Amino acid sequence: MDRVELADRIEAEFHQLFDSLSRMPRQGHSRRDLTKRPVLFISLYSFVIVYEPDLNPIRIMAVVRGKRDVKRILRERVE
């Protein structure tokens, strides 16, 4: 599998995950150590997806590499 095929597959998996979250929004877990906002976290590969499950439609707040400083990024983006 070449890089383009791999990127296409990963993109498709993100879309599948987002679709799944929209149909069944309470997937994932909260992380009070990272934010007090009513968001949930779910992972795909090395990425962390942060979303608001109580909105209709749900709101994806961030898609962040897990190795990054997720707390700082969330503070800058969503708090």
C-alpha atoms as a PDB file:
ATOM      1  CA  MET A   1       0.000   0.000   0.000  1.00  0.00           C
ATOM      2  CA  ASP A   2       1.429   3.358  -0.980  1.00  0.00           C
ATOM      3  CA  ARG A   3       1.128   6.609   0.957  1.00  0.00           C
ATOM      4  CA  VAL A   4      -1.820   7.914  -1.046  1.00  0.00           C
ATOM      5  CA  GLU A   5      -3.794   4.707  -0.509  1.00  0.00           C
ATOM      6  CA  LEU A   6      -2.947   4.769   3.199  1.00  0.00           C
ATOM      7  CA  ALA A   7      -4.011   8.415   3.502  1.00  0.00           C
ATOM      8  CA  ASP A   8      -7.265   7.645   1.673  1.00  0.00           C
ATOM      9  CA  ARG A   9      -7.965   4.711   3.995  1.00  0.00           C
ATOM     10  CA  ILE A  10      -7.297   6.776   7.125  1.00  0.00           C
ATOM     11  CA  GLU A  11      -9.476   9.614   5.802  1.00  0.00           C
ATOM     12  CA  ALA A  12     -12.297   7.123   5.178  1.00  0.00           C
ATOM     13  CA  GLU A  13     -11.927   5.796   8.727  1.00  0.00           C
ATOM     14  CA  PHE A  14     -12.215   9.318  10.128  1.00  0.00           C
ATOM     15  CA  HIS A  15     -15.399   9.853   8.132  1.00  0.00           C
ATOM     16  CA  GLN A  16     -16.771   6.525   9.391  1.00  0.00           C
ATOM     17  CA  LEU A  17     -15.958   7.507  12.980  1.00  0.00           C
ATOM     18  CA  PHE A  18     -17.580  10.936  12.594  1.00  0.00           C
ATOM     19  CA  ASP A  19     -20.669   9.299  11.099  1.00  0.00           C
ATOM     20  CA  SER A  20     -20.783   6.825  13.986  1.00  0.00           C
ATOM     21  CA  LEU A  21     -20.474   9.669  16.512  1.00  0.00           C
ATOM     22  CA  SER A  22     -23.350  11.520  14.850  1.00  0.00           C
ATOM     23  CA  ARG A  23     -25.596   8.441  15.074  1.00  0.00           C
ATOM     24  CA  MET A  24     -24.506   7.372  18.608  1.00  0.00           C
ATOM     25  CA  PRO A  25     -23.083  10.474  20.255  1.00  0.00           C
ATOM     26  CA  ARG A  26     -22.011   9.391  23.728  1.00  0.00           C
ATOM     27  CA  GLN A  27     -18.989   7.362  22.590  1.00  0.00           C
ATOM     28  CA  GLY A  28     -15.652   8.037  24.199  1.00  0.00           C
ATOM     29  CA  HIS A  29     -14.833   9.413  27.614  1.00  0.00           C
ATOM     30  CA  SER A  30     -14.438  12.706  29.440  1.00  0.00           C
ATOM     31  CA  ARG A  31     -11.043  14.012  30.532  1.00  0.00           C
ATOM     32  CA  ARG A  32     -11.515  16.434  33.419  1.00  0.00           C
ATOM     33  CA  ASP A  33      -7.726  16.627  33.722  1.00  0.00           C
ATOM     34  CA  LEU A  34      -7.651  18.278  30.278  1.00  0.00           C
ATOM     35  CA  THR A  35     -10.814  20.402  30.217  1.00  0.00           C
ATOM     36  CA  LYS A  36     -13.920  21.127  32.263  1.00  0.00           C
ATOM     37  CA  ARG A  37     -16.044  21.608  29.136  1.00  0.00           C
ATOM     38  CA  PRO A  38     -18.737  18.992  28.444  1.00  0.00           C
ATOM     39  CA  VAL A  39     -16.746  17.301  25.679  1.00  0.00           C
ATOM     40  CA  LEU A  40     -15.817  13.701  25.055  1.00  0.00           C
ATOM     41  CA  PHE A  41     -12.596  12.205  23.736  1.00  0.00           C
ATOM     42  CA  ILE A  42     -12.172   9.275  21.395  1.00  0.00           C
ATOM     43  CA  SER A  43      -9.030   8.046  19.644  1.00  0.00           C
ATOM     44  CA  LEU A  44      -8.274   6.866  16.141  1.00  0.00           C
ATOM     45  CA  TYR A  45      -4.718   5.743  15.511  1.00  0.00           C
ATOM     46  CA  SER A  46      -2.472   8.359  17.125  1.00  0.00           C
ATOM     47  CA  PHE A  47      -5.130  11.073  16.960  1.00  0.00           C
ATOM     48  CA  VAL A  48      -7.445  12.317  19.685  1.00  0.00           C
ATOM     49  CA  ILE A  49     -10.853  13.566  18.577  1.00  0.00           C
ATOM     50  CA  VAL A  50     -12.572  16.007  20.933  1.00  0.00           C
ATOM     51  CA  TYR A  51     -16.275  16.594  20.397  1.00  0.00           C
ATOM     52  CA  GLU A  52     -19.403  18.042  21.982  1.00  0.00           C
ATOM     53  CA  PRO A  53     -21.944  15.201  22.095  1.00  0.00           C
ATOM     54  CA  ASP A  54     -24.896  17.248  23.363  1.00  0.00           C
ATOM     55  CA  LEU A  55     -25.273  19.407  20.260  1.00  0.00           C
ATOM     56  CA  ASN A  56     -27.384  18.366  17.301  1.00  0.00           C
ATOM     57  CA  PRO A  57     -25.470  17.812  15.127  1.00  0.00           C
ATOM     58  CA  ILE A  58     -22.439  17.033  17.271  1.00  0.00           C
ATOM     59  CA  ARG A  59     -19.547  19.468  17.045  1.00  0.00           C
ATOM     60  CA  ILE A  60     -16.013  18.229  16.435  1.00  0.00           C
ATOM     61  CA  MET A  61     -13.862  20.589  18.497  1.00  0.00           C
ATOM     62  CA  ALA A  62     -10.418  19.257  17.603  1.00  0.00           C
ATOM     63  CA  VAL A  63      -8.513  16.448  15.953  1.00  0.00           C
ATOM     64  CA  VAL A  64      -5.065  16.439  17.535  1.00  0.00           C
ATOM     65  CA  ARG A  65      -2.040  14.171  17.425  1.00  0.00           C
ATOM     66  CA  GLY A  66      -1.864  12.439  20.799  1.00  0.00           C
ATOM     67  CA  LYS A  67       1.833  13.294  21.190  1.00  0.00           C
ATOM     68  CA  ARG A  68       1.082  17.002  21.194  1.00  0.00           C
ATOM     69  CA  ASP A  69       0.205  19.026  24.278  1.00  0.00           C
ATOM     70  CA  VAL A  70      -3.524  18.325  24.075  1.00  0.00           C
ATOM     71  CA  LYS A  71      -4.325  20.336  27.201  1.00  0.00           C
ATOM     72  CA  ARG A  72      -2.665  23.478  25.826  1.00  0.00           C
ATOM     73  CA  ILE A  73      -4.288  23.070  22.418  1.00  0.00           C
ATOM     74  CA  LEU A  74      -7.731  22.661  23.972  1.00  0.00           C
ATOM     75  CA  ARG A  75      -7.202  25.678  26.184  1.00  0.00           C
ATOM     76  CA  GLU A  76      -6.358  27.759  23.106  1.00  0.00           C
ATOM     77  CA  ARG A  77      -9.181  26.374  20.949  1.00  0.00           C
ATOM     78  CA  VAL A  78     -12.159  25.585  23.117  1.00  0.00           C
ATOM     79  CA  GLU A  79     -11.900  27.282  26.478  1.00  0.00           C
END
